[in-house]
Amino acid sequence: MDIETLKYPIGKPKIPAKIESTHIENWIQTIRQFPLLVSTEVIPLTAKELRYKYRPEGWTIQQVVGHCIDVI
């Protein structure tokens, strides 16, 4: 698998040409759900699993989650 595919495992973001109020409402809902969704995924992980890097030169799961917390 090439590095570009690994950089965007769910694909590049699709940014609408014109942002409507429904976009904003959906994004707010996504942000509200984010902490619970992340917690549900990472709480069961072991310390070793949290150190996993899914791509070369990438961050560990723990680093990604920490970065998300810093951003929010």
PDB file of N, CA and C in Angstrom:
ATOM      1  N   MET A   1       0.851  -1.183   0.000  1.00  0.00           N
ATOM      2  CA  MET A   1       0.000   0.000   0.000  1.00  0.00           C
ATOM      3  C   MET A   1       0.895   1.245   0.000  1.00  0.00           C
ATOM      4  N   ASP A   2       0.552   2.241  -0.807  1.00  0.00           N
ATOM      5  CA  ASP A   2       1.383   3.444  -0.897  1.00  0.00           C
ATOM      6  C   ASP A   2       1.109   4.394   0.275  1.00  0.00           C
ATOM      7  N   ILE A   3       2.052   5.289   0.513  1.00  0.00           N
ATOM      8  CA  ILE A   3       1.998   6.191   1.671  1.00  0.00           C
ATOM      9  C   ILE A   3       0.797   7.138   1.600  1.00  0.00           C
ATOM     10  N   GLU A   4       0.383   7.566   0.413  1.00  0.00           N
ATOM     11  CA  GLU A   4      -0.782   8.455   0.291  1.00  0.00           C
ATOM     12  C   GLU A   4      -2.050   7.769   0.793  1.00  0.00           C
ATOM     13  N   THR A   5      -2.201   6.504   0.480  1.00  0.00           N
ATOM     14  CA  THR A   5      -3.363   5.752   0.955  1.00  0.00           C
ATOM     15  C   THR A   5      -3.313   5.630   2.471  1.00  0.00           C
ATOM     16  N   LEU A   6      -2.116   5.423   3.020  1.00  0.00           N
ATOM     17  CA  LEU A   6      -1.975   5.316   4.471  1.00  0.00           C
ATOM     18  C   LEU A   6      -2.206   6.663   5.160  1.00  0.00           C
ATOM     19  N   LYS A   7      -1.878   7.759   4.502  1.00  0.00           N
ATOM     20  CA  LYS A   7      -2.107   9.087   5.086  1.00  0.00           C
ATOM     21  C   LYS A   7      -3.591   9.398   5.218  1.00  0.00           C
ATOM     22  N   TYR A   8      -4.379   8.882   4.291  1.00  0.00           N
ATOM     23  CA  TYR A   8      -5.814   9.171   4.270  1.00  0.00           C
ATOM     24  C   TYR A   8      -6.602   7.857   4.233  1.00  0.00           C
ATOM     25  N   PRO A   9      -6.608   7.115   5.365  1.00  0.00           N
ATOM     26  CA  PRO A   9      -7.246   5.788   5.352  1.00  0.00           C
ATOM     27  C   PRO A   9      -8.735   5.805   5.042  1.00  0.00           C
ATOM     28  N   ILE A  10      -9.415   6.907   5.281  1.00  0.00           N
ATOM     29  CA  ILE A  10     -10.842   6.986   4.933  1.00  0.00           C
ATOM     30  C   ILE A  10     -11.069   7.941   3.760  1.00  0.00           C
ATOM     31  N   GLY A  11      -9.978   8.310   3.109  1.00  0.00           N
ATOM     32  CA  GLY A  11     -10.060   9.212   1.957  1.00  0.00           C
ATOM     33  C   GLY A  11      -9.818  10.656   2.363  1.00  0.00           C
ATOM     34  N   LYS A  12      -9.484  11.463   1.386  1.00  0.00           N
ATOM     35  CA  LYS A  12      -9.269  12.893   1.640  1.00  0.00           C
ATOM     36  C   LYS A  12     -10.601  13.550   1.997  1.00  0.00           C
ATOM     37  N   PRO A  13     -10.539  14.610   2.804  1.00  0.00           N
ATOM     38  CA  PRO A  13     -11.791  15.271   3.189  1.00  0.00           C
ATOM     39  C   PRO A  13     -12.515  15.864   1.979  1.00  0.00           C
ATOM     40  N   LYS A  14     -13.822  15.802   2.034  1.00  0.00           N
ATOM     41  CA  LYS A  14     -14.653  16.378   0.979  1.00  0.00           C
ATOM     42  C   LYS A  14     -15.258  17.674   1.519  1.00  0.00           C
ATOM     43  N   ILE A  15     -14.674  18.773   1.112  1.00  0.00           N
ATOM     44  CA  ILE A  15     -15.094  20.081   1.606  1.00  0.00           C
ATOM     45  C   ILE A  15     -16.071  20.678   0.594  1.00  0.00           C
ATOM     46  N   PRO A  16     -17.291  20.985   1.053  1.00  0.00           N
ATOM     47  CA  PRO A  16     -18.273  21.534   0.119  1.00  0.00           C
ATOM     48  C   PRO A  16     -17.860  22.912  -0.395  1.00  0.00           C
ATOM     49  N   ALA A  17     -18.235  23.194  -1.637  1.00  0.00           N
ATOM     50  CA  ALA A  17     -17.929  24.493  -2.236  1.00  0.00           C
ATOM     51  C   ALA A  17     -18.651  25.612  -1.479  1.00  0.00           C
ATOM     52  N   LYS A  18     -19.879  25.326  -1.052  1.00  0.00           N
ATOM     53  CA  LYS A  18     -20.650  26.293  -0.276  1.00  0.00           C
ATOM     54  C   LYS A  18     -21.079  25.620   1.022  1.00  0.00           C
ATOM     55  N   ILE A  19     -20.733  26.242   2.124  1.00  0.00           N
ATOM     56  CA  ILE A  19     -21.066  25.669   3.431  1.00  0.00           C
ATOM     57  C   ILE A  19     -22.447  26.148   3.850  1.00  0.00           C
ATOM     58  N   GLU A  20     -23.320  25.183   4.087  1.00  0.00           N
ATOM     59  CA  GLU A  20     -24.705  25.455   4.486  1.00  0.00           C
ATOM     60  C   GLU A  20     -24.857  25.226   5.992  1.00  0.00           C
ATOM     61  N   SER A  21     -25.949  25.700   6.551  1.00  0.00           N
ATOM     62  CA  SER A  21     -26.196  25.516   7.987  1.00  0.00           C
ATOM     63  C   SER A  21     -26.299  24.037   8.351  1.00  0.00           C
ATOM     64  N   THR A  22     -26.794  23.217   7.431  1.00  0.00           N
ATOM     65  CA  THR A  22     -26.870  21.773   7.714  1.00  0.00           C
ATOM     66  C   THR A  22     -25.485  21.157   7.849  1.00  0.00           C
ATOM     67  N   HIS A  23     -24.524  21.648   7.082  1.00  0.00           N
ATOM     68  CA  HIS A  23     -23.140  21.175   7.230  1.00  0.00           C
ATOM     69  C   HIS A  23     -22.643  21.474   8.641  1.00  0.00           C
ATOM     70  N   ILE A  24     -22.858  22.712   9.057  1.00  0.00           N
ATOM     71  CA  ILE A  24     -22.381  23.134  10.376  1.00  0.00           C
ATOM     72  C   ILE A  24     -23.041  22.319  11.479  1.00  0.00           C
ATOM     73  N   GLU A  25     -24.337  22.107  11.373  1.00  0.00           N
ATOM     74  CA  GLU A  25     -25.051  21.300  12.369  1.00  0.00           C
ATOM     75  C   GLU A  25     -24.495  19.875  12.421  1.00  0.00           C
ATOM     76  N   ASN A  26     -24.238  19.279  11.265  1.00  0.00           N
ATOM     77  CA  ASN A  26     -23.662  17.930  11.221  1.00  0.00           C
ATOM     78  C   ASN A  26     -22.268  17.894  11.820  1.00  0.00           C
ATOM     79  N   TRP A  27     -21.459  18.899  11.529  1.00  0.00           N
ATOM     80  CA  TRP A  27     -20.097  18.949  12.069  1.00  0.00           C
ATOM     81  C   TRP A  27     -20.116  19.114  13.581  1.00  0.00           C
ATOM     82  N   ILE A  28     -21.010  19.944  14.079  1.00  0.00           N
ATOM     83  CA  ILE A  28     -21.128  20.122  15.535  1.00  0.00           C
ATOM     84  C   ILE A  28     -21.515  18.799  16.187  1.00  0.00           C
ATOM     85  N   GLN A  29     -22.444  18.091  15.598  1.00  0.00           N
ATOM     86  CA  GLN A  29     -22.862  16.791  16.132  1.00  0.00           C
ATOM     87  C   GLN A  29     -21.699  15.798  16.133  1.00  0.00           C
ATOM     88  N   THR A  30     -20.919  15.803  15.077  1.00  0.00           N
ATOM     89  CA  THR A  30     -19.743  14.924  15.000  1.00  0.00           C
ATOM     90  C   THR A  30     -18.754  15.253  16.109  1.00  0.00           C
ATOM     91  N   ILE A  31     -18.516  16.529  16.335  1.00  0.00           N
ATOM     92  CA  ILE A  31     -17.589  16.952  17.393  1.00  0.00           C
ATOM     93  C   ILE A  31     -18.126  16.551  18.766  1.00  0.00           C
ATOM     94  N   ARG A  32     -19.429  16.674  18.975  1.00  0.00           N
ATOM     95  CA  ARG A  32     -20.032  16.268  20.254  1.00  0.00           C
ATOM     96  C   ARG A  32     -19.841  14.775  20.514  1.00  0.00           C
ATOM     97  N   GLN A  33     -19.964  13.965  19.482  1.00  0.00           N
ATOM     98  CA  GLN A  33     -19.865  12.511  19.625  1.00  0.00           C
ATOM     99  C   GLN A  33     -18.425  12.019  19.712  1.00  0.00           C
ATOM    100  N   PHE A  34     -17.494  12.812  19.250  1.00  0.00           N
ATOM    101  CA  PHE A  34     -16.107  12.388  19.115  1.00  0.00           C
ATOM    102  C   PHE A  34     -15.489  11.824  20.403  1.00  0.00           C
ATOM    103  N   PRO A  35     -15.567  12.511  21.542  1.00  0.00           N
ATOM    104  CA  PRO A  35     -14.924  11.964  22.748  1.00  0.00           C
ATOM    105  C   PRO A  35     -15.424  10.563  23.120  1.00  0.00           C
ATOM    106  N   LEU A  36     -16.722  10.351  23.053  1.00  0.00           N
ATOM    107  CA  LEU A  36     -17.269   9.035  23.386  1.00  0.00           C
ATOM    108  C   LEU A  36     -16.814   7.979  22.384  1.00  0.00           C
ATOM    109  N   LEU A  37     -16.834   8.319  21.109  1.00  0.00           N
ATOM    110  CA  LEU A  37     -16.413   7.366  20.083  1.00  0.00           C
ATOM    111  C   LEU A  37     -14.941   6.984  20.237  1.00  0.00           C
ATOM    112  N   VAL A  38     -14.094   7.957  20.509  1.00  0.00           N
ATOM    113  CA  VAL A  38     -12.662   7.668  20.706  1.00  0.00           C
ATOM    114  C   VAL A  38     -12.465   6.834  21.961  1.00  0.00           C
ATOM    115  N   SER A  39     -13.110   7.214  23.045  1.00  0.00           N
ATOM    116  CA  SER A  39     -12.987   6.460  24.301  1.00  0.00           C
ATOM    117  C   SER A  39     -13.398   5.007  24.115  1.00  0.00           C
ATOM    118  N   THR A  40     -14.487   4.790  23.434  1.00  0.00           N
ATOM    119  CA  THR A  40     -14.984   3.436  23.189  1.00  0.00           C
ATOM    120  C   THR A  40     -13.943   2.590  22.453  1.00  0.00           C
ATOM    121  N   GLU A  41     -13.201   3.213  21.570  1.00  0.00           N
ATOM    122  CA  GLU A  41     -12.196   2.486  20.785  1.00  0.00           C
ATOM    123  C   GLU A  41     -10.903   2.253  21.559  1.00  0.00           C
ATOM    124  N   VAL A  42     -10.456   3.232  22.352  1.00  0.00           N
ATOM    125  CA  VAL A  42      -9.117   3.111  22.951  1.00  0.00           C
ATOM    126  C   VAL A  42      -9.096   2.534  24.359  1.00  0.00           C
ATOM    127  N   ILE A  43     -10.171   2.648  25.103  1.00  0.00           N
ATOM    128  CA  ILE A  43     -10.160   2.132  26.481  1.00  0.00           C
ATOM    129  C   ILE A  43      -9.791   0.647  26.550  1.00  0.00           C
ATOM    130  N   PRO A  44     -10.296  -0.197  25.642  1.00  0.00           N
ATOM    131  CA  PRO A  44      -9.941  -1.618  25.727  1.00  0.00           C
ATOM    132  C   PRO A  44      -8.502  -1.950  25.300  1.00  0.00           C
ATOM    133  N   LEU A  45      -7.772  -1.008  24.720  1.00  0.00           N
ATOM    134  CA  LEU A  45      -6.443  -1.296  24.189  1.00  0.00           C
ATOM    135  C   LEU A  45      -5.409  -1.452  25.304  1.00  0.00           C
ATOM    136  N   THR A  46      -4.453  -2.320  25.051  1.00  0.00           N
ATOM    137  CA  THR A  46      -3.336  -2.505  25.986  1.00  0.00           C
ATOM    138  C   THR A  46      -2.299  -1.412  25.736  1.00  0.00           C
ATOM    139  N   ALA A  47      -1.343  -1.294  26.654  1.00  0.00           N
ATOM    140  CA  ALA A  47      -0.267  -0.313  26.487  1.00  0.00           C
ATOM    141  C   ALA A  47       0.502  -0.585  25.198  1.00  0.00           C
ATOM    142  N   LYS A  48       0.728  -1.851  24.895  1.00  0.00           N
ATOM    143  CA  LYS A  48       1.435  -2.207  23.663  1.00  0.00           C
ATOM    144  C   LYS A  48       0.630  -1.788  22.436  1.00  0.00           C
ATOM    145  N   GLU A  49      -0.661  -2.022  22.455  1.00  0.00           N
ATOM    146  CA  GLU A  49      -1.511  -1.636  21.325  1.00  0.00           C
ATOM    147  C   GLU A  49      -1.545  -0.118  21.152  1.00  0.00           C
ATOM    148  N   LEU A  50      -1.518   0.630  22.243  1.00  0.00           N
ATOM    149  CA  LEU A  50      -1.518   2.093  22.163  1.00  0.00           C
ATOM    150  C   LEU A  50      -0.237   2.630  21.518  1.00  0.00           C
ATOM    151  N   ARG A  51       0.826   1.825  21.528  1.00  0.00           N
ATOM    152  CA  ARG A  51       2.096   2.233  20.903  1.00  0.00           C
ATOM    153  C   ARG A  51       2.186   1.832  19.431  1.00  0.00           C
ATOM    154  N   TYR A  52       1.125   1.245  18.892  1.00  0.00           N
ATOM    155  CA  TYR A  52       1.118   0.789  17.498  1.00  0.00           C
ATOM    156  C   TYR A  52       1.115   1.964  16.530  1.00  0.00           C
ATOM    157  N   LYS A  53       1.928   1.860  15.475  1.00  0.00           N
ATOM    158  CA  LYS A  53       1.945   2.835  14.379  1.00  0.00           C
ATOM    159  C   LYS A  53       1.397   2.142  13.150  1.00  0.00           C
ATOM    160  N   TYR A  54       0.375   2.707  12.541  1.00  0.00           N
ATOM    161  CA  TYR A  54      -0.235   2.049  11.389  1.00  0.00           C
ATOM    162  C   TYR A  54       0.475   2.367  10.078  1.00  0.00           C
ATOM    163  N   ARG A  55       1.413   3.316  10.103  1.00  0.00           N
ATOM    164  CA  ARG A  55       2.190   3.590   8.903  1.00  0.00           C
ATOM    165  C   ARG A  55       3.610   4.001   9.298  1.00  0.00           C
ATOM    166  N   PRO A  56       4.585   3.749   8.428  1.00  0.00           N
ATOM    167  CA  PRO A  56       5.969   4.124   8.735  1.00  0.00           C
ATOM    168  C   PRO A  56       6.072   5.621   9.001  1.00  0.00           C
ATOM    169  N   GLU A  57       6.886   5.967   9.978  1.00  0.00           N
ATOM    170  CA  GLU A  57       7.103   7.372  10.350  1.00  0.00           C
ATOM    171  C   GLU A  57       5.849   8.042  10.896  1.00  0.00           C
ATOM    172  N   GLY A  58       4.825   7.277  11.188  1.00  0.00           N
ATOM    173  CA  GLY A  58       3.572   7.836  11.696  1.00  0.00           C
ATOM    174  C   GLY A  58       3.549   7.918  13.207  1.00  0.00           C
ATOM    175  N   TRP A  59       2.488   8.462  13.720  1.00  0.00           N
ATOM    176  CA  TRP A  59       2.290   8.558  15.154  1.00  0.00           C
ATOM    177  C   TRP A  59       1.693   7.263  15.686  1.00  0.00           C
ATOM    178  N   THR A  60       1.882   7.062  16.989  1.00  0.00           N
ATOM    179  CA  THR A  60       1.229   5.935  17.641  1.00  0.00           C
ATOM    180  C   THR A  60      -0.234   6.301  17.889  1.00  0.00           C
ATOM    181  N   ILE A  61      -1.031   5.307  18.226  1.00  0.00           N
ATOM    182  CA  ILE A  61      -2.433   5.570  18.569  1.00  0.00           C
ATOM    183  C   ILE A  61      -2.494   6.548  19.740  1.00  0.00           C
ATOM    184  N   GLN A  62      -1.644   6.338  20.718  1.00  0.00           N
ATOM    185  CA  GLN A  62      -1.623   7.211  21.894  1.00  0.00           C
ATOM    186  C   GLN A  62      -1.290   8.652  21.502  1.00  0.00           C
ATOM    187  N   GLN A  63      -0.357   8.843  20.586  1.00  0.00           N
ATOM    188  CA  GLN A  63      -0.007  10.190  20.146  1.00  0.00           C
ATOM    189  C   GLN A  63      -1.160  10.857  19.390  1.00  0.00           C
ATOM    190  N   VAL A  64      -1.840  10.086  18.550  1.00  0.00           N
ATOM    191  CA  VAL A  64      -2.972  10.639  17.792  1.00  0.00           C
ATOM    192  C   VAL A  64      -4.070  11.076  18.749  1.00  0.00           C
ATOM    193  N   VAL A  65      -4.403  10.224  19.716  1.00  0.00           N
ATOM    194  CA  VAL A  65      -5.461  10.568  20.679  1.00  0.00           C
ATOM    195  C   VAL A  65      -5.045  11.790  21.499  1.00  0.00           C
ATOM    196  N   GLY A  66      -3.784  11.826  21.932  1.00  0.00           N
ATOM    197  CA  GLY A  66      -3.302  12.994  22.674  1.00  0.00           C
ATOM    198  C   GLY A  66      -3.390  14.270  21.856  1.00  0.00           C
ATOM    199  N   HIS A  67      -3.064  14.175  20.579  1.00  0.00           N
ATOM    200  CA  HIS A  67      -3.161  15.339  19.690  1.00  0.00           C
ATOM    201  C   HIS A  67      -4.615  15.798  19.566  1.00  0.00           C
ATOM    202  N   CYS A  68      -5.521  14.857  19.430  1.00  0.00           N
ATOM    203  CA  CYS A  68      -6.955  15.207  19.330  1.00  0.00           C
ATOM    204  C   CYS A  68      -7.438  15.909  20.585  1.00  0.00           C
ATOM    205  N   ILE A  69      -6.977  15.468  21.724  1.00  0.00           N
ATOM    206  CA  ILE A  69      -7.368  16.089  22.994  1.00  0.00           C
ATOM    207  C   ILE A  69      -6.817  17.513  23.055  1.00  0.00           C
ATOM    208  N   ASP A  70      -5.580  17.706  22.604  1.00  0.00           N
ATOM    209  CA  ASP A  70      -4.977  19.055  22.606  1.00  0.00           C
ATOM    210  C   ASP A  70      -5.740  20.006  21.690  1.00  0.00           C
ATOM    211  N   VAL A  71      -6.239  19.493  20.578  1.00  0.00           N
ATOM    212  CA  VAL A  71      -6.932  20.325  19.590  1.00  0.00           C
ATOM    213  C   VAL A  71      -8.310  20.735  20.109  1.00  0.00           C
ATOM    214  N   ILE A  72      -8.972  19.811  20.783  1.00  0.00           N
ATOM    215  CA  ILE A  72     -10.325  20.094  21.277  1.00  0.00           C
ATOM    216  C   ILE A  72     -10.191  20.952  22.481  1.00  0.00           C
TER     217      ILE A  72
END
